[in-house]
Amino acid sequence: TKEDLTRLCQSYDAMAAARQDEEAFAAADVAFHATLASCCGNQILASAYQMICANLSRAMKDIVHRRGSASGLKYHKAILDAAKAHDAKGARDAMEQHMQEMAADLSGTEFLHS
C-alpha cells in the first residue's frame, strides 16, 4: 500500500541519516527489515522476523563495524526502488543478493553460533 511504501521510505531514510553512527545504523538496518516484513502482509514472516531481531541486532552491530554502511544502503535502496515500482521480481532478486552477502558475513559472527 501507499502507507507501507511511506513507512519503508522512512526506514531507509533513517538508515541513510545514521550512516556515520555504527550503532544507530545497525538499529535502523534491522528496523528496515522489520518494516519490510510487516509490509508484506504475511503475519508468520513478520512474527518470525521479530523472534530473531535480538540476535540479529547484536550481529548487525558487528557487521556494520566491519563493513560500514555502503553495502547495506545499496541493497536496501534496490529493494526500496523495486517496491516503489511494484516490481516483485526485482525486490526478490535484490533481497536474495543481499541475504547471500549477509549470510557470508553472519557466518563469521556469533549470530549463527549462539
C-alpha atoms as a PDB file:
ATOM      1  CA  THR A   1       0.000   0.000   0.000  1.00  0.00           C
ATOM      2  CA  LYS A   2       0.979   3.634  -0.219  1.00  0.00           C
ATOM      3  CA  GLU A   3       1.269   3.723   3.574  1.00  0.00           C
ATOM      4  CA  ASP A   4       3.592   0.706   3.543  1.00  0.00           C
ATOM      5  CA  LEU A   5       5.844   2.378   0.959  1.00  0.00           C
ATOM      6  CA  THR A   6       5.908   5.532   3.077  1.00  0.00           C
ATOM      7  CA  ARG A   7       6.983   3.520   6.130  1.00  0.00           C
ATOM      8  CA  LEU A   8       9.633   1.711   4.090  1.00  0.00           C
ATOM      9  CA  CYS A   9      10.956   5.026   2.724  1.00  0.00           C
ATOM     10  CA  GLN A  10      11.115   6.400   6.257  1.00  0.00           C
ATOM     11  CA  SER A  11      13.053   3.329   7.389  1.00  0.00           C
ATOM     12  CA  TYR A  12      15.538   3.746   4.543  1.00  0.00           C
ATOM     13  CA  ASP A  13      15.882   7.469   5.278  1.00  0.00           C
ATOM     14  CA  ALA A  14      16.682   6.630   8.916  1.00  0.00           C
ATOM     15  CA  MET A  15      19.449   4.320   7.710  1.00  0.00           C
ATOM     16  CA  ALA A  16      20.871   6.967   5.404  1.00  0.00           C
ATOM     17  CA  ALA A  17      20.779   9.579   8.164  1.00  0.00           C
ATOM     18  CA  ALA A  18      22.620   7.224  10.540  1.00  0.00           C
ATOM     19  CA  ARG A  19      25.385   6.198   8.111  1.00  0.00           C
ATOM     20  CA  GLN A  20      28.090   7.811  10.279  1.00  0.00           C
ATOM     21  CA  ASP A  21      26.900   6.205  13.541  1.00  0.00           C
ATOM     22  CA  GLU A  22      27.504   2.444  13.518  1.00  0.00           C
ATOM     23  CA  GLU A  23      25.135   1.610  16.362  1.00  0.00           C
ATOM     24  CA  ALA A  24      22.295   3.781  15.034  1.00  0.00           C
ATOM     25  CA  PHE A  25      22.839   2.473  11.516  1.00  0.00           C
ATOM     26  CA  ALA A  26      22.718  -1.150  12.703  1.00  0.00           C
ATOM     27  CA  ALA A  27      19.460  -0.481  14.557  1.00  0.00           C
ATOM     28  CA  ALA A  28      17.981   1.285  11.510  1.00  0.00           C
ATOM     29  CA  ASP A  29      19.062  -1.628   9.286  1.00  0.00           C
ATOM     30  CA  VAL A  30      17.249  -4.140  11.478  1.00  0.00           C
ATOM     31  CA  ALA A  31      14.237  -1.805  11.604  1.00  0.00           C
ATOM     32  CA  PHE A  32      14.171  -1.606   7.785  1.00  0.00           C
ATOM     33  CA  HIS A  33      13.844  -5.390   7.612  1.00  0.00           C
ATOM     34  CA  ALA A  34      11.168  -5.404  10.314  1.00  0.00           C
ATOM     35  CA  THR A  35       9.235  -2.783   8.357  1.00  0.00           C
ATOM     36  CA  LEU A  36       9.648  -4.747   5.137  1.00  0.00           C
ATOM     37  CA  ALA A  37       8.440  -7.931   6.825  1.00  0.00           C
ATOM     38  CA  SER A  38       5.382  -6.166   8.230  1.00  0.00           C
ATOM     39  CA  CYS A  39       4.611  -4.583   4.826  1.00  0.00           C
ATOM     40  CA  CYS A  40       4.463  -7.997   3.162  1.00  0.00           C
ATOM     41  CA  GLY A  41       1.168  -8.782   4.838  1.00  0.00           C
ATOM     42  CA  ASN A  42       2.442 -12.164   5.982  1.00  0.00           C
ATOM     43  CA  GLN A  43       1.968 -12.334   9.754  1.00  0.00           C
ATOM     44  CA  ILE A  44       4.068 -15.511  10.028  1.00  0.00           C
ATOM     45  CA  LEU A  45       7.007 -13.793   8.324  1.00  0.00           C
ATOM     46  CA  ALA A  46       6.640 -10.672  10.472  1.00  0.00           C
ATOM     47  CA  SER A  47       6.440 -12.754  13.666  1.00  0.00           C
ATOM     48  CA  ALA A  48       9.412 -14.921  12.702  1.00  0.00           C
ATOM     49  CA  TYR A  49      11.478 -11.831  11.970  1.00  0.00           C
ATOM     50  CA  GLN A  50      10.597 -10.310  15.345  1.00  0.00           C
ATOM     51  CA  MET A  51      11.765 -13.516  17.044  1.00  0.00           C
ATOM     52  CA  ILE A  52      15.274 -13.219  15.598  1.00  0.00           C
ATOM     53  CA  CYS A  53      15.633  -9.438  15.977  1.00  0.00           C
ATOM     54  CA  ALA A  54      17.532  -9.511  19.269  1.00  0.00           C
ATOM     55  CA  ASN A  55      20.246 -11.819  17.951  1.00  0.00           C
ATOM     56  CA  LEU A  56      20.297 -10.082  14.594  1.00  0.00           C
ATOM     57  CA  SER A  57      20.742  -6.695  16.268  1.00  0.00           C
ATOM     58  CA  ARG A  58      23.895  -7.889  18.005  1.00  0.00           C
ATOM     59  CA  ALA A  59      25.289  -9.394  14.814  1.00  0.00           C
ATOM     60  CA  MET A  60      24.387  -6.325  12.774  1.00  0.00           C
ATOM     61  CA  LYS A  61      26.496  -4.092  15.006  1.00  0.00           C
ATOM     62  CA  ASP A  62      29.498  -6.307  14.276  1.00  0.00           C
ATOM     63  CA  ILE A  63      28.785  -6.397  10.552  1.00  0.00           C
ATOM     64  CA  VAL A  64      28.358  -2.623  10.315  1.00  0.00           C
ATOM     65  CA  HIS A  65      31.572  -2.137  12.264  1.00  0.00           C
ATOM     66  CA  ARG A  66      33.461  -4.377   9.833  1.00  0.00           C
ATOM     67  CA  ARG A  67      31.782  -3.336   6.587  1.00  0.00           C
ATOM     68  CA  GLY A  68      30.418   0.159   7.066  1.00  0.00           C
ATOM     69  CA  SER A  69      27.095   1.357   5.742  1.00  0.00           C
ATOM     70  CA  ALA A  70      27.573   1.488   1.953  1.00  0.00           C
ATOM     71  CA  SER A  71      26.632  -2.121   1.190  1.00  0.00           C
ATOM     72  CA  GLY A  72      23.507  -2.033   3.341  1.00  0.00           C
ATOM     73  CA  LEU A  73      22.381   1.227   1.804  1.00  0.00           C
ATOM     74  CA  LYS A  74      22.969  -0.138  -1.708  1.00  0.00           C
ATOM     75  CA  TYR A  75      20.875  -3.261  -1.197  1.00  0.00           C
ATOM     76  CA  HIS A  76      18.143  -1.552   0.779  1.00  0.00           C
ATOM     77  CA  LYS A  77      17.854   1.151  -1.895  1.00  0.00           C
ATOM     78  CA  ALA A  78      17.496  -1.545  -4.579  1.00  0.00           C
ATOM     79  CA  ILE A  79      14.781  -3.280  -2.542  1.00  0.00           C
ATOM     80  CA  LEU A  80      13.003   0.018  -1.889  1.00  0.00           C
ATOM     81  CA  ASP A  81      13.178   1.086  -5.543  1.00  0.00           C
ATOM     82  CA  ALA A  82      11.747  -2.262  -6.660  1.00  0.00           C
ATOM     83  CA  ALA A  83       8.941  -1.971  -4.108  1.00  0.00           C
ATOM     84  CA  LYS A  84       8.129   1.544  -5.322  1.00  0.00           C
ATOM     85  CA  ALA A  85       7.988   0.207  -8.897  1.00  0.00           C
ATOM     86  CA  HIS A  86       5.764  -2.702  -7.777  1.00  0.00           C
ATOM     87  CA  ASP A  87       8.477  -4.982  -9.174  1.00  0.00           C
ATOM     88  CA  ALA A  88       8.161  -8.138  -7.080  1.00  0.00           C
ATOM     89  CA  LYS A  89      10.856  -9.988  -9.028  1.00  0.00           C
ATOM     90  CA  GLY A  90      13.280  -7.075  -8.717  1.00  0.00           C
ATOM     91  CA  ALA A  91      12.643  -6.824  -4.981  1.00  0.00           C
ATOM     92  CA  ARG A  92      13.072 -10.581  -4.573  1.00  0.00           C
ATOM     93  CA  ASP A  93      16.295 -10.589  -6.595  1.00  0.00           C
ATOM     94  CA  ALA A  94      17.725  -7.648  -4.615  1.00  0.00           C
ATOM     95  CA  MET A  95      16.773  -9.316  -1.337  1.00  0.00           C
ATOM     96  CA  GLU A  96      18.337 -12.619  -2.410  1.00  0.00           C
ATOM     97  CA  GLN A  97      21.604 -10.885  -3.301  1.00  0.00           C
ATOM     98  CA  HIS A  98      21.521  -9.012  -0.015  1.00  0.00           C
ATOM     99  CA  MET A  99      20.811 -12.158   2.003  1.00  0.00           C
ATOM    100  CA  GLN A 100      23.594 -14.083   0.260  1.00  0.00           C
ATOM    101  CA  GLU A 101      26.068 -11.372   1.159  1.00  0.00           C
ATOM    102  CA  MET A 102      24.705 -11.161   4.702  1.00  0.00           C
ATOM    103  CA  ALA A 103      24.883 -14.931   5.159  1.00  0.00           C
ATOM    104  CA  ALA A 104      28.575 -14.807   4.353  1.00  0.00           C
ATOM    105  CA  ASP A 105      29.067 -12.040   6.910  1.00  0.00           C
ATOM    106  CA  LEU A 106      26.915 -13.688   9.557  1.00  0.00           C
ATOM    107  CA  SER A 107      28.908 -16.906   9.304  1.00  0.00           C
ATOM    108  CA  GLY A 108      31.775 -15.031  10.950  1.00  0.00           C
ATOM    109  CA  THR A 109      29.694 -13.716  13.871  1.00  0.00           C
ATOM    110  CA  GLU A 110      28.193 -15.163  16.999  1.00  0.00           C
ATOM    111  CA  PHE A 111      24.710 -14.888  15.440  1.00  0.00           C
ATOM    112  CA  LEU A 112      24.884 -18.334  13.877  1.00  0.00           C
ATOM    113  CA  HIS A 113      26.769 -19.818  16.781  1.00  0.00           C
ATOM    114  CA  SER A 114      24.547 -18.706  19.674  1.00  0.00           C
END
